Protein backbone atom coordinates (compact mmCIF):
# COMPACT_ATOMS: atom_id res chain seq x y z
CA MET A 1 153.14 70.62 59.37
CA ASN A 2 149.59 71.26 57.43
CA ILE A 3 146.40 70.65 58.98
CA LYS A 4 145.79 66.90 57.36
CA ARG A 5 149.36 65.90 59.13
CA LEU A 6 148.07 68.19 62.64
CA ARG A 7 145.13 65.91 62.80
CA ARG A 8 147.17 62.73 62.28
CA HIS A 9 149.36 63.35 64.99
CA TRP A 10 146.66 64.89 67.48
CA ASP A 11 144.41 61.91 66.91
CA ALA A 12 146.97 59.62 67.48
CA LEU A 13 147.63 61.70 70.70
CA GLY A 14 144.05 61.45 71.36
CA LYS A 15 144.74 57.14 71.23
CA ILE A 16 147.57 56.83 73.03
CA ASP A 17 147.44 59.80 76.21
CA PRO A 18 144.79 62.17 75.53
CA LEU A 19 144.50 64.00 79.29
CA TRP A 20 147.94 64.74 79.17
CA ALA A 21 148.44 65.54 75.31
CA ASN A 22 145.58 68.48 76.60
CA LEU A 23 147.12 69.30 79.96
CA THR A 24 151.10 68.12 79.58
CA ASN A 25 152.05 68.08 83.45
CA ASP A 26 155.40 66.34 83.39
CA ASP A 27 154.22 64.18 86.12
CA LYS A 28 151.05 62.77 84.48
CA ARG A 29 152.55 61.47 81.17
CA GLY A 30 151.78 57.85 80.21
CA GLY A 31 148.06 57.84 81.38
CA LYS A 32 148.73 59.55 85.26
CA TRP A 33 146.12 62.08 85.10
CA ASP A 34 143.44 61.11 87.47
CA ALA A 35 139.98 62.19 85.37
CA GLU A 36 138.28 63.79 88.37
CA GLU A 37 141.75 65.67 89.27
CA PHE A 38 141.95 66.86 85.54
CA PHE A 39 138.68 68.16 85.07
CA LEU A 40 138.96 69.93 88.19
CA THR A 41 141.32 72.51 86.73
CA GLY A 42 138.60 73.69 83.96
CA GLU A 43 136.15 74.00 86.55
CA GLN A 44 136.87 77.51 87.16
CA GLU A 45 137.31 78.32 83.59
CA ILE A 46 133.46 77.34 82.25
CA ASP A 47 131.29 78.32 85.93
CA GLU A 48 130.26 81.42 84.42
CA PHE A 49 128.40 79.97 81.10
CA ASP A 50 125.35 78.91 80.15
CA GLU A 51 126.17 76.77 77.56
CA VAL A 52 129.53 75.86 76.28
CA TRP A 53 130.84 74.78 72.63
CA GLY A 54 134.58 72.66 72.14
CA VAL A 55 135.98 72.11 68.94
CA ASP A 56 138.86 70.08 68.00
CA ILE A 57 140.45 68.56 64.98
CA ALA A 58 141.21 64.95 66.30
CA PRO A 59 137.95 62.57 66.40
CA SER A 60 139.38 60.43 68.94
CA MET A 61 139.32 63.69 71.18
CA ILE A 62 136.25 64.50 70.25
CA GLU A 63 135.35 60.86 70.84
CA LEU A 64 136.93 60.97 74.59
CA ALA A 65 135.23 64.27 75.55
CA ASN A 66 131.53 63.01 74.49
CA ARG A 67 132.31 60.24 76.93
CA TYR A 68 133.37 62.64 79.83
CA ASN A 69 130.69 64.70 78.96
CA ARG A 70 128.23 65.05 82.13
CA HIS A 71 126.45 67.83 80.96
CA PRO A 72 125.11 67.02 77.45
CA GLY A 73 122.71 69.73 77.33
CA THR A 74 124.84 72.66 78.02
CA CYS A 75 128.20 71.20 76.71
CA ARG A 76 128.89 70.18 73.00
CA TYR A 77 132.00 69.32 71.20
CA TYR A 78 132.26 69.56 67.27
CA LEU A 79 134.98 68.30 65.17
CA ASN A 80 136.36 70.57 62.81
CA ASP A 81 139.28 69.39 60.56
CA ARG A 82 139.42 72.17 58.21
CA SER A 83 141.48 75.54 57.69
CA ASP A 84 138.49 77.43 58.73
CA LEU A 85 135.57 77.47 60.85
CA GLU A 86 133.03 77.69 58.02
CA ARG A 87 130.66 75.51 59.59
CA PHE A 88 130.06 78.47 62.24
CA ASP A 89 128.33 81.66 61.59
CA ASP A 90 129.53 84.96 61.77
CA GLY A 91 129.08 86.49 64.97
CA SER A 92 128.09 83.25 66.43
CA PHE A 93 129.82 83.44 70.21
CA ASP A 94 129.81 86.24 72.80
CA PHE A 95 133.32 84.35 74.47
CA ILE A 96 135.95 82.47 72.96
CA TYR A 97 138.69 81.13 74.70
CA SER A 98 141.89 79.25 73.10
CA ASN A 99 144.40 77.92 75.69
CA ILE A 100 147.63 75.60 74.34
CA VAL A 101 145.91 75.15 71.36
CA LEU A 102 147.42 77.44 68.52
CA GLN A 103 150.84 76.89 69.65
CA HIS A 104 150.79 73.62 67.82
CA MET A 105 149.86 75.11 64.17
CA ARG A 106 152.36 76.85 61.96
CA PRO A 107 152.40 80.74 61.78
CA LYS A 108 150.31 80.63 58.23
CA ASP A 109 147.75 78.13 60.04
CA GLN A 110 147.57 80.47 63.30
CA ARG A 111 146.98 83.60 61.72
CA ARG A 112 144.26 81.83 59.39
CA TYR A 113 142.44 80.82 62.86
CA LEU A 114 142.54 83.81 64.49
CA ALA A 115 140.66 85.67 61.20
CA GLU A 116 138.29 82.95 61.90
CA LEU A 117 137.86 83.42 65.50
CA VAL A 118 137.61 86.97 65.40
CA ARG A 119 135.12 86.45 62.31
CA VAL A 120 132.76 84.45 64.89
CA LEU A 121 133.24 86.68 67.63
CA ALA A 122 130.12 88.50 67.93
CA PRO A 123 129.80 92.05 68.29
CA GLY A 124 130.66 93.14 71.90
CA GLY A 125 132.31 89.73 72.61
CA ILE A 126 135.41 88.61 74.02
CA PHE A 127 137.95 86.71 72.61
CA VAL A 128 140.86 85.25 75.47
CA PHE A 129 143.66 83.30 73.53
CA GLN A 130 147.91 82.64 74.83
CA LEU A 131 150.21 81.98 71.84
CA PRO A 132 154.05 81.88 72.35
CA SER A 133 156.33 84.17 70.87
CA ALA A 134 159.82 82.98 70.80
CA PRO A 135 162.12 79.95 71.94
CA LEU A 136 163.80 80.82 75.50
CA PRO A 137 167.57 80.77 75.39
CA LEU A 138 168.87 77.32 75.34
CA SER A 139 171.03 76.40 78.57
CA GLU A 140 174.75 75.40 77.86
CA PRO A 141 174.89 71.98 76.85
CA LYS A 142 176.64 69.44 79.18
CA GLY A 143 179.48 67.15 77.28
CA LEU A 144 181.75 67.76 74.54
CA GLY A 145 179.52 65.81 72.16
CA GLN A 146 176.52 68.06 73.12
CA ARG A 147 178.73 70.78 72.84
CA LEU A 148 179.86 69.75 69.48
CA LYS A 149 176.36 69.18 68.18
CA ARG A 150 175.04 72.67 69.11
CA ARG A 151 177.94 74.11 67.57
CA VAL A 152 177.51 72.17 63.84
CA LYS A 153 173.84 73.36 63.88
CA ALA A 154 175.05 76.68 64.40
CA ILE A 155 177.43 76.92 61.87
CA THR A 156 175.16 75.05 59.28
CA PRO A 157 173.46 77.20 56.30
CA SER A 158 169.44 77.25 56.80
CA LEU A 159 169.51 76.01 53.75
CA VAL A 160 170.64 72.66 54.55
CA LEU A 161 169.63 72.63 58.01
CA VAL A 162 165.86 73.34 57.54
CA PRO A 163 165.27 70.59 54.67
CA TYR A 164 167.49 68.32 56.68
CA ARG A 165 165.23 68.83 59.76
CA ARG A 166 161.85 68.38 57.72
CA LEU A 167 163.03 64.72 56.53
CA ARG A 168 164.34 63.66 59.96
CA ARG A 169 160.98 64.60 61.62
CA GLU A 170 158.94 62.67 58.34
CA VAL A 171 161.59 59.70 58.46
CA VAL A 172 162.64 59.35 62.19
CA GLY A 173 159.21 60.14 63.40
CA LEU A 174 157.34 58.38 61.23
CA GLY A 175 154.22 56.67 62.78
CA ARG A 176 155.00 58.45 66.12
CA PRO A 177 152.57 61.55 66.91
CA ARG A 178 154.59 64.54 67.86
CA MET A 179 153.74 67.79 69.06
CA ASP A 180 155.27 70.68 67.09
CA MET A 181 155.43 73.94 68.61
CA TRP A 182 155.43 77.21 66.96
CA GLY A 183 154.96 81.43 67.63
CA LEU A 184 154.30 84.57 66.71
CA PRO A 185 156.21 87.52 68.01
CA GLU A 186 153.71 89.74 70.04
CA HIS A 187 154.25 93.25 67.80
CA GLU A 188 152.86 90.81 64.44
CA VAL A 189 149.88 89.12 66.34
CA ARG A 190 148.80 92.99 67.04
CA GLN A 191 149.14 93.98 63.80
CA TYR A 192 146.97 91.10 62.44
CA LEU A 193 144.41 91.38 64.92
CA ALA A 194 144.05 94.74 64.16
CA SER A 195 144.01 94.04 60.02
CA GLN A 196 140.92 91.61 60.99
CA GLY A 197 139.22 94.56 62.62
CA ALA A 198 139.67 93.37 66.64
CA GLN A 199 141.14 95.48 69.43
CA VAL A 200 143.41 94.26 71.84
CA LEU A 201 142.36 95.12 74.84
CA SER A 202 144.96 93.93 76.94
CA VAL A 203 148.21 91.57 76.77
CA THR A 204 150.08 89.80 79.54
CA PRO A 205 153.05 87.63 79.73
CA ASP A 206 152.41 83.93 79.63
CA GLN A 207 154.71 80.63 80.28
CA MET A 208 152.23 78.13 79.12
CA ALA A 209 154.60 77.30 76.44
CA PHE A 210 157.40 75.29 78.00
CA GLY A 211 160.61 76.81 76.95
CA TRP A 212 159.08 79.71 75.23
CA SER A 213 158.22 82.98 76.25
CA GLY A 214 154.53 84.01 75.05
CA PHE A 215 151.55 86.17 75.58
CA ARG A 216 148.11 85.98 76.74
CA TYR A 217 145.92 88.61 74.44
CA VAL A 218 142.61 89.74 75.39
CA VAL A 219 140.39 90.79 72.05
CA GLY A 220 137.27 92.54 71.51
CA ARG A 221 135.19 93.79 68.56
């Protein structure tokens, strides 16, 4: 999914069920998040900051964020539907935090944004982000039909399966927003960050991406 399609899907999610799209608890789907309860989950993450800038790709998400914003003097939101962060100068931010965001971008866009986020990190600053690594093994399907379906997928050549899946997503899912999930292996993330002049300070296991193994990275410059 390229940046333009990513924007379209997430803008639609922002109109349909925005709070759940940001924090996908199973029991909160369908507008079941209470706004007060939702925002309490983030208080600990921002208590220590004098000024916070939020960036999102979807106009509907930015509109809702501004509607809920109780601290407009210190909390600002910016729409960015580009494949870069050109609007922000080098070394602009002392602390950068990304959680359950990069996982919805294709790997090439993940790398591009990682490079951009390192670029806008101030010397001596800290960049914390979460990223899936690999899908977890699927449980054994129940029923003959499901087992046959998995077997067919297993023996179908990727040259056939990949285009089929892409076509099916675009045609069957036409008009319906979706959340794609992508990941990068830990060693690739480490190597890429090093190539951008960043220093990996710590890596810890993370399970924020349902159905995936993943890691939380702390990076410095």
